[in-house]
Amino acid sequence: PPKKVVEEKKVLLGRPGNNLKAGIVGLANVGKSTF
């Protein structure tokens, strides 16, 4: 039987922690703080 092709999972950049942080970025006065 043909060999099963295992799809290689894309390696993620960044640290592997669980308590990850998202930053709100943009130019001034685009609605960041209100968001």
PDB file of all heavy atoms in Angstrom:
ATOM      1  N   PRO A   1       0.839  -1.200   0.000  1.00  0.00           N
ATOM      2  CA  PRO A   1       0.000   0.000   0.000  1.00  0.00           C
ATOM      3  C   PRO A   1       0.873   1.249   0.000  1.00  0.00           C
ATOM      4  O   PRO A   1       1.986   1.245   0.540  1.00  0.00           O
ATOM      5  CB  PRO A   1      -0.781  -0.119   1.315  1.00  0.00           C
ATOM      6  CG  PRO A   1       0.055  -1.000   2.182  1.00  0.00           C
ATOM      7  CD  PRO A   1       0.736  -1.955   1.249  1.00  0.00           C
ATOM      8  N   PRO A   2       0.399   2.320  -0.628  1.00  0.00           N
ATOM      9  CA  PRO A   2       1.211   3.547  -0.670  1.00  0.00           C
ATOM     10  C   PRO A   2       1.410   4.117   0.724  1.00  0.00           C
ATOM     11  O   PRO A   2       0.546   3.973   1.604  1.00  0.00           O
ATOM     12  CB  PRO A   2       0.356   4.497  -1.524  1.00  0.00           C
ATOM     13  CG  PRO A   2      -1.038   3.955  -1.419  1.00  0.00           C
ATOM     14  CD  PRO A   2      -0.899   2.481  -1.284  1.00  0.00           C
ATOM     15  N   LYS A   3       2.572   4.714   0.924  1.00  0.00           N
ATOM     16  CA  LYS A   3       2.859   5.314   2.224  1.00  0.00           C
ATOM     17  C   LYS A   3       1.936   6.491   2.488  1.00  0.00           C
ATOM     18  O   LYS A   3       1.633   7.277   1.573  1.00  0.00           O
ATOM     19  CB  LYS A   3       4.316   5.791   2.294  1.00  0.00           C
ATOM     20  CG  LYS A   3       5.324   4.665   2.333  1.00  0.00           C
ATOM     21  CD  LYS A   3       6.730   5.219   2.501  1.00  0.00           C
ATOM     22  CE  LYS A   3       7.757   4.095   2.595  1.00  0.00           C
ATOM     23  NZ  LYS A   3       9.136   4.637   2.767  1.00  0.00           N
ATOM     24  N   LYS A   4       1.470   6.569   3.715  1.00  0.00           N
ATOM     25  CA  LYS A   4       0.592   7.669   4.093  1.00  0.00           C
ATOM     26  C   LYS A   4       1.398   8.964   4.186  1.00  0.00           C
ATOM     27  O   LYS A   4       2.441   9.023   4.846  1.00  0.00           O
ATOM     28  CB  LYS A   4      -0.072   7.383   5.442  1.00  0.00           C
ATOM     29  CG  LYS A   4      -1.093   8.424   5.847  1.00  0.00           C
ATOM     30  CD  LYS A   4      -1.762   8.035   7.158  1.00  0.00           C
ATOM     31  CE  LYS A   4      -2.776   9.085   7.574  1.00  0.00           C
ATOM     32  NZ  LYS A   4      -3.428   8.737   8.864  1.00  0.00           N
ATOM     33  N   VAL A   5       0.948   9.971   3.484  1.00  0.00           N
ATOM     34  CA  VAL A   5       1.644  11.257   3.504  1.00  0.00           C
ATOM     35  C   VAL A   5       1.202  12.040   4.726  1.00  0.00           C
ATOM     36  O   VAL A   5       0.009  12.305   4.912  1.00  0.00           O
ATOM     37  CB  VAL A   5       1.352  12.073   2.226  1.00  0.00           C
ATOM     38  CG1 VAL A   5       2.050  13.424   2.301  1.00  0.00           C
ATOM     39  CG2 VAL A   5       1.806  11.289   1.003  1.00  0.00           C
ATOM     40  N   VAL A   6       2.137  12.366   5.584  1.00  0.00           N
ATOM     41  CA  VAL A   6       1.835  13.134   6.787  1.00  0.00           C
ATOM     42  C   VAL A   6       2.082  14.605   6.505  1.00  0.00           C
ATOM     43  O   VAL A   6       3.205  15.004   6.170  1.00  0.00           O
ATOM     44  CB  VAL A   6       2.695  12.676   7.985  1.00  0.00           C
ATOM     45  CG1 VAL A   6       2.369  13.511   9.217  1.00  0.00           C
ATOM     46  CG2 VAL A   6       2.468  11.192   8.258  1.00  0.00           C
ATOM     47  N   GLU A   7       1.032  15.389   6.602  1.00  0.00           N
ATOM     48  CA  GLU A   7       1.178  16.821   6.348  1.00  0.00           C
ATOM     49  C   GLU A   7       1.886  17.488   7.521  1.00  0.00           C
ATOM     50  O   GLU A   7       1.469  17.351   8.669  1.00  0.00           O
ATOM     51  CB  GLU A   7      -0.206  17.459   6.163  1.00  0.00           C
ATOM     52  CG  GLU A   7      -0.133  18.924   5.787  1.00  0.00           C
ATOM     53  CD  GLU A   7      -1.510  19.523   5.555  1.00  0.00           C
ATOM     54  OE1 GLU A   7      -2.481  18.751   5.416  1.00  0.00           O
ATOM     55  OE2 GLU A   7      -1.601  20.761   5.525  1.00  0.00           O
ATOM     56  N   GLU A   8       2.971  18.161   7.216  1.00  0.00           N
ATOM     57  CA  GLU A   8       3.755  18.804   8.272  1.00  0.00           C
ATOM     58  C   GLU A   8       3.032  20.049   8.773  1.00  0.00           C
ATOM     59  O   GLU A   8       2.612  20.904   7.997  1.00  0.00           O
ATOM     60  CB  GLU A   8       5.133  19.197   7.745  1.00  0.00           C
ATOM     61  CG  GLU A   8       6.058  19.723   8.835  1.00  0.00           C
ATOM     62  CD  GLU A   8       7.464  19.999   8.331  1.00  0.00           C
ATOM     63  OE1 GLU A   8       7.755  19.629   7.187  1.00  0.00           O
ATOM     64  OE2 GLU A   8       8.257  20.586   9.084  1.00  0.00           O
ATOM     65  N   LYS A   9       2.831  20.112  10.079  1.00  0.00           N
ATOM     66  CA  LYS A   9       2.127  21.240  10.669  1.00  0.00           C
ATOM     67  C   LYS A   9       3.011  22.483  10.645  1.00  0.00           C
ATOM     68  O   LYS A   9       4.198  22.408  10.928  1.00  0.00           O
ATOM     69  CB  LYS A   9       1.748  20.912  12.124  1.00  0.00           C
ATOM     70  CG  LYS A   9       0.816  21.928  12.772  1.00  0.00           C
ATOM     71  CD  LYS A   9       0.418  21.436  14.159  1.00  0.00           C
ATOM     72  CE  LYS A   9      -0.577  22.392  14.804  1.00  0.00           C
ATOM     73  NZ  LYS A   9       0.020  23.672  15.143  1.00  0.00           N
ATOM     74  N   LYS A  10       2.426  23.604  10.283  1.00  0.00           N
ATOM     75  CA  LYS A  10       3.183  24.852  10.241  1.00  0.00           C
ATOM     76  C   LYS A  10       3.661  25.209  11.642  1.00  0.00           C
ATOM     77  O   LYS A  10       2.892  25.199  12.598  1.00  0.00           O
ATOM     78  CB  LYS A  10       2.302  25.976   9.689  1.00  0.00           C
ATOM     79  CG  LYS A  10       3.030  27.303   9.561  1.00  0.00           C
ATOM     80  CD  LYS A  10       2.133  28.366   8.953  1.00  0.00           C
ATOM     81  CE  LYS A  10       2.864  29.705   8.856  1.00  0.00           C
ATOM     82  NZ  LYS A  10       2.030  30.758   8.252  1.00  0.00           N
ATOM     83  N   VAL A  11       4.944  25.480  11.761  1.00  0.00           N
ATOM     84  CA  VAL A  11       5.520  25.845  13.059  1.00  0.00           C
ATOM     85  C   VAL A  11       5.168  27.295  13.357  1.00  0.00           C
ATOM     86  O   VAL A  11       5.361  28.185  12.532  1.00  0.00           O
ATOM     87  CB  VAL A  11       7.046  25.655  13.056  1.00  0.00           C
ATOM     88  CG1 VAL A  11       7.627  25.989  14.419  1.00  0.00           C
ATOM     89  CG2 VAL A  11       7.396  24.235  12.657  1.00  0.00           C
ATOM     90  N   LEU A  12       4.636  27.524  14.542  1.00  0.00           N
ATOM     91  CA  LEU A  12       4.189  28.862  14.899  1.00  0.00           C
ATOM     92  C   LEU A  12       5.330  29.699  15.454  1.00  0.00           C
ATOM     93  O   LEU A  12       6.174  29.198  16.211  1.00  0.00           O
ATOM     94  CB  LEU A  12       3.066  28.795  15.930  1.00  0.00           C
ATOM     95  CG  LEU A  12       1.754  28.168  15.452  1.00  0.00           C
ATOM     96  CD1 LEU A  12       0.792  28.054  16.625  1.00  0.00           C
ATOM     97  CD2 LEU A  12       1.133  28.983  14.344  1.00  0.00           C
ATOM     98  N   LEU A  13       5.343  30.947  15.071  1.00  0.00           N
ATOM     99  CA  LEU A  13       6.270  31.890  15.677  1.00  0.00           C
ATOM    100  C   LEU A  13       5.760  32.293  17.054  1.00  0.00           C
ATOM    101  O   LEU A  13       4.599  32.133  17.381  1.00  0.00           O
ATOM    102  CB  LEU A  13       6.391  33.129  14.790  1.00  0.00           C
ATOM    103  CG  LEU A  13       7.023  32.911  13.406  1.00  0.00           C
ATOM    104  CD1 LEU A  13       6.749  34.114  12.522  1.00  0.00           C
ATOM    105  CD2 LEU A  13       8.517  32.668  13.531  1.00  0.00           C
ATOM    106  N   GLY A  14       6.649  32.858  17.861  1.00  0.00           N
ATOM    107  CA  GLY A  14       6.235  33.376  19.163  1.00  0.00           C
ATOM    108  C   GLY A  14       6.452  32.386  20.280  1.00  0.00           C
ATOM    109  O   GLY A  14       6.763  31.216  20.077  1.00  0.00           O
ATOM    110  N   ARG A  15       6.282  32.875  21.494  1.00  0.00           N
ATOM    111  CA  ARG A  15       6.504  32.025  22.659  1.00  0.00           C
ATOM    112  C   ARG A  15       5.352  31.038  22.818  1.00  0.00           C
ATOM    113  O   ARG A  15       4.230  31.312  22.408  1.00  0.00           O
ATOM    114  CB  ARG A  15       6.668  32.884  23.931  1.00  0.00           C
ATOM    115  CG  ARG A  15       5.447  33.707  24.314  1.00  0.00           C
ATOM    116  CD  ARG A  15       5.792  34.769  25.348  1.00  0.00           C
ATOM    117  NE  ARG A  15       4.588  35.521  25.707  1.00  0.00           N
ATOM    118  CZ  ARG A  15       3.922  35.367  26.835  1.00  0.00           C
ATOM    119  NH1 ARG A  15       4.318  34.479  27.729  1.00  0.00           N
ATOM    120  NH2 ARG A  15       2.841  36.086  27.095  1.00  0.00           N
ATOM    121  N   PRO A  16       5.600  29.878  23.420  1.00  0.00           N
ATOM    122  CA  PRO A  16       4.589  28.823  23.484  1.00  0.00           C
ATOM    123  C   PRO A  16       3.687  28.888  24.709  1.00  0.00           C
ATOM    124  O   PRO A  16       3.066  27.910  25.064  1.00  0.00           O
ATOM    125  CB  PRO A  16       5.452  27.556  23.517  1.00  0.00           C
ATOM    126  CG  PRO A  16       6.665  27.982  24.278  1.00  0.00           C
ATOM    127  CD  PRO A  16       6.921  29.420  23.874  1.00  0.00           C
ATOM    128  N   GLY A  17       3.629  30.017  25.392  1.00  0.00           N
ATOM    129  CA  GLY A  17       2.854  30.093  26.621  1.00  0.00           C
ATOM    130  C   GLY A  17       1.351  30.060  26.408  1.00  0.00           C
ATOM    131  O   GLY A  17       0.852  30.066  25.288  1.00  0.00           O
ATOM    132  N   ASN A  18       0.622  30.022  27.523  1.00  0.00           N
ATOM    133  CA  ASN A  18      -0.836  29.973  27.489  1.00  0.00           C
ATOM    134  C   ASN A  18      -1.460  31.331  27.797  1.00  0.00           C
ATOM    135  O   ASN A  18      -2.547  31.646  27.324  1.00  0.00           O
ATOM    136  CB  ASN A  18      -1.342  28.942  28.500  1.00  0.00           C
ATOM    137  CG  ASN A  18      -0.688  27.587  28.287  1.00  0.00           C
ATOM    138  OD1 ASN A  18      -0.679  27.072  27.179  1.00  0.00           O
ATOM    139  ND2 ASN A  18      -0.109  27.025  29.333  1.00  0.00           N
ATOM    140  N   ASN A  19      -0.795  32.145  28.593  1.00  0.00           N
ATOM    141  CA  ASN A  19      -1.316  33.467  28.949  1.00  0.00           C
ATOM    142  C   ASN A  19      -0.757  34.494  27.960  1.00  0.00           C
ATOM    143  O   ASN A  19       0.121  35.285  28.279  1.00  0.00           O
ATOM    144  CB  ASN A  19      -0.928  33.825  30.382  1.00  0.00           C
ATOM    145  CG  ASN A  19      -1.517  35.155  30.812  1.00  0.00           C
ATOM    146  OD1 ASN A  19      -2.540  35.606  30.278  1.00  0.00           O
ATOM    147  ND2 ASN A  19      -0.878  35.803  31.760  1.00  0.00           N
ATOM    148  N   LEU A  20      -1.260  34.435  26.729  1.00  0.00           N
ATOM    149  CA  LEU A  20      -0.720  35.275  25.664  1.00  0.00           C
ATOM    150  C   LEU A  20      -1.464  36.610  25.594  1.00  0.00           C
ATOM    151  O   LEU A  20      -2.636  36.707  25.947  1.00  0.00           O
ATOM    152  CB  LEU A  20      -0.795  34.546  24.329  1.00  0.00           C
ATOM    153  CG  LEU A  20      -0.032  33.213  24.306  1.00  0.00           C
ATOM    154  CD1 LEU A  20      -0.128  32.562  22.931  1.00  0.00           C
ATOM    155  CD2 LEU A  20       1.428  33.403  24.692  1.00  0.00           C
ATOM    156  N   LYS A  21      -0.760  37.637  25.106  1.00  0.00           N
ATOM    157  CA  LYS A  21      -1.265  39.010  25.169  1.00  0.00           C
ATOM    158  C   LYS A  21      -1.463  39.581  23.767  1.00  0.00           C
ATOM    159  O   LYS A  21      -0.611  39.412  22.897  1.00  0.00           O
ATOM    160  CB  LYS A  21      -0.267  39.894  25.932  1.00  0.00           C
ATOM    161  CG  LYS A  21       0.088  39.363  27.314  1.00  0.00           C
ATOM    162  CD  LYS A  21       1.300  40.080  27.881  1.00  0.00           C
ATOM    163  CE  LYS A  21       1.733  39.461  29.203  1.00  0.00           C
ATOM    164  NZ  LYS A  21       2.976  40.068  29.713  1.00  0.00           N
ATOM    165  N   ALA A  22      -2.574  40.287  23.587  1.00  0.00           N
ATOM    166  CA  ALA A  22      -2.856  40.952  22.315  1.00  0.00           C
ATOM    167  C   ALA A  22      -2.764  42.457  22.513  1.00  0.00           C
ATOM    168  O   ALA A  22      -3.319  43.000  23.464  1.00  0.00           O
ATOM    169  CB  ALA A  22      -4.249  40.569  21.816  1.00  0.00           C
ATOM    170  N   GLY A  23      -2.049  43.134  21.611  1.00  0.00           N
ATOM    171  CA  GLY A  23      -1.907  44.586  21.694  1.00  0.00           C
ATOM    172  C   GLY A  23      -2.739  45.273  20.625  1.00  0.00           C
ATOM    173  O   GLY A  23      -2.831  44.802  19.492  1.00  0.00           O
ATOM    174  N   ILE A  24      -3.366  46.393  20.990  1.00  0.00           N
ATOM    175  CA  ILE A  24      -4.162  47.176  20.047  1.00  0.00           C
ATOM    176  C   ILE A  24      -3.262  48.262  19.471  1.00  0.00           C
ATOM    177  O   ILE A  24      -2.755  49.119  20.191  1.00  0.00           O
ATOM    178  CB  ILE A  24      -5.387  47.807  20.746  1.00  0.00           C
ATOM    179  CG1 ILE A  24      -6.226  46.722  21.418  1.00  0.00           C
ATOM    180  CG2 ILE A  24      -6.230  48.593  19.743  1.00  0.00           C
ATOM    181  CD1 ILE A  24      -7.332  47.274  22.313  1.00  0.00           C
ATOM    182  N   VAL A  25      -3.077  48.219  18.144  1.00  0.00           N
ATOM    183  CA  VAL A  25      -2.106  49.076  17.465  1.00  0.00           C
ATOM    184  C   VAL A  25      -2.817  49.863  16.364  1.00  0.00           C
ATOM    185  O   VAL A  25      -3.768  49.388  15.759  1.00  0.00           O
ATOM    186  CB  VAL A  25      -0.975  48.219  16.859  1.00  0.00           C
ATOM    187  CG1 VAL A  25      -0.045  49.056  16.003  1.00  0.00           C
ATOM    188  CG2 VAL A  25      -0.193  47.523  17.969  1.00  0.00           C
ATOM    189  N   GLY A  26      -2.327  51.065  16.092  1.00  0.00           N
ATOM    190  CA  GLY A  26      -2.855  51.869  14.994  1.00  0.00           C
ATOM    191  C   GLY A  26      -2.343  53.291  15.103  1.00  0.00           C
ATOM    192  O   GLY A  26      -1.637  53.641  16.057  1.00  0.00           O
ATOM    193  N   LEU A  27      -2.673  54.111  14.125  1.00  0.00           N
ATOM    194  CA  LEU A  27      -2.334  55.525  14.210  1.00  0.00           C
ATOM    195  C   LEU A  27      -3.155  56.192  15.300  1.00  0.00           C
ATOM    196  O   LEU A  27      -4.098  55.609  15.845  1.00  0.00           O
ATOM    197  CB  LEU A  27      -2.592  56.217  12.865  1.00  0.00           C
ATOM    198  CG  LEU A  27      -1.767  55.749  11.665  1.00  0.00           C
ATOM    199  CD1 LEU A  27      -2.088  56.612  10.449  1.00  0.00           C
ATOM    200  CD2 LEU A  27      -0.275  55.790  11.957  1.00  0.00           C
ATOM    201  N   ALA A  28      -2.815  57.428  15.618  1.00  0.00           N
ATOM    202  CA  ALA A  28      -3.582  58.169  16.616  1.00  0.00           C
ATOM    203  C   ALA A  28      -4.985  58.456  16.099  1.00  0.00           C
ATOM    204  O   ALA A  28      -5.202  58.664  14.905  1.00  0.00           O
ATOM    205  CB  ALA A  28      -2.863  59.483  16.937  1.00  0.00           C
ATOM    206  N   ASN A  29      -5.947  58.462  17.014  1.00  0.00           N
ATOM    207  CA  ASN A  29      -7.340  58.863  16.726  1.00  0.00           C
ATOM    208  C   ASN A  29      -8.031  57.998  15.683  1.00  0.00           C
ATOM    209  O   ASN A  29      -8.783  58.497  14.854  1.00  0.00           O
ATOM    210  CB  ASN A  29      -7.396  60.333  16.283  1.00  0.00           C
ATOM    211  CG  ASN A  29      -6.976  61.291  17.380  1.00  0.00           C
ATOM    212  OD1 ASN A  29      -6.857  60.889  18.540  1.00  0.00           O
ATOM    213  ND2 ASN A  29      -6.734  62.528  17.020  1.00  0.00           N
ATOM    214  N   VAL A  30      -7.775  56.688  15.750  1.00  0.00           N
ATOM    215  CA  VAL A  30      -8.492  55.778  14.853  1.00  0.00           C
ATOM    216  C   VAL A  30      -9.539  54.958  15.598  1.00  0.00           C
ATOM    217  O   VAL A  30     -10.265  54.175  14.991  1.00  0.00           O
ATOM    218  CB  VAL A  30      -7.527  54.831  14.109  1.00  0.00           C
ATOM    219  CG1 VAL A  30      -6.584  55.619  13.219  1.00  0.00           C
ATOM    220  CG2 VAL A  30      -6.762  53.934  15.076  1.00  0.00           C
ATOM    221  N   GLY A  31      -9.595  55.111  16.940  1.00  0.00           N
ATOM    222  CA  GLY A  31     -10.595  54.412  17.741  1.00  0.00           C
ATOM    223  C   GLY A  31     -10.042  53.322  18.632  1.00  0.00           C
ATOM    224  O   GLY A  31     -10.800  52.514  19.169  1.00  0.00           O
ATOM    225  N   LYS A  32      -8.703  53.296  18.845  1.00  0.00           N
ATOM    226  CA  LYS A  32      -8.094  52.223  19.631  1.00  0.00           C
ATOM    227  C   LYS A  32      -8.577  52.211  21.074  1.00  0.00           C
ATOM    228  O   LYS A  32      -8.970  51.173  21.598  1.00  0.00           O
ATOM    229  CB  LYS A  32      -6.562  52.344  19.601  1.00  0.00           C
ATOM    230  CG  LYS A  32      -5.944  52.257  18.231  1.00  0.00           C
ATOM    231  CD  LYS A  32      -4.436  52.271  18.284  1.00  0.00           C
ATOM    232  CE  LYS A  32      -3.872  53.389  19.133  1.00  0.00           C
ATOM    233  NZ  LYS A  32      -4.325  54.725  18.685  1.00  0.00           N
ATOM    234  N   SER A  33      -8.501  53.349  21.748  1.00  0.00           N
ATOM    235  CA  SER A  33      -8.860  53.391  23.163  1.00  0.00           C
ATOM    236  C   SER A  33     -10.353  53.158  23.371  1.00  0.00           C
ATOM    237  O   SER A  33     -10.764  52.521  24.349  1.00  0.00           O
ATOM    238  CB  SER A  33      -8.433  54.727  23.783  1.00  0.00           C
ATOM    239  OG  SER A  33      -7.018  54.813  23.828  1.00  0.00           O
ATOM    240  N   THR A  34     -11.177  53.658  22.455  1.00  0.00           N
ATOM    241  CA  THR A  34     -12.613  53.403  22.556  1.00  0.00           C
ATOM    242  C   THR A  34     -12.896  51.923  22.344  1.00  0.00           C
ATOM    243  O   THR A  34     -13.748  51.335  23.027  1.00  0.00           O
ATOM    244  CB  THR A  34     -13.390  54.245  21.521  1.00  0.00           C
ATOM    245  OG1 THR A  34     -13.014  55.618  21.670  1.00  0.00           O
ATOM    246  CG2 THR A  34     -14.888  54.125  21.734  1.00  0.00           C
ATOM    247  N   PHE A  35     -12.177  51.302  21.415  1.00  0.00           N
ATOM    248  CA  PHE A  35     -12.291  49.854  21.211  1.00  0.00           C
ATOM    249  C   PHE A  35     -11.871  49.113  22.474  1.00  0.00           C
ATOM    250  O   PHE A  35     -12.539  48.161  22.901  1.00  0.00           O
ATOM    251  CB  PHE A  35     -11.429  49.435  20.020  1.00  0.00           C
ATOM    252  CG  PHE A  35     -11.203  47.955  19.899  1.00  0.00           C
ATOM    253  CD1 PHE A  35     -12.274  47.088  19.760  1.00  0.00           C
ATOM    254  CD2 PHE A  35      -9.922  47.421  19.916  1.00  0.00           C
ATOM    255  CE1 PHE A  35     -12.073  45.711  19.645  1.00  0.00           C
ATOM    256  CE2 PHE A  35      -9.705  46.062  19.807  1.00  0.00           C
ATOM    257  CZ  PHE A  35     -10.789  45.210  19.667  1.00  0.00           C
TER     258      PHE A  35
END
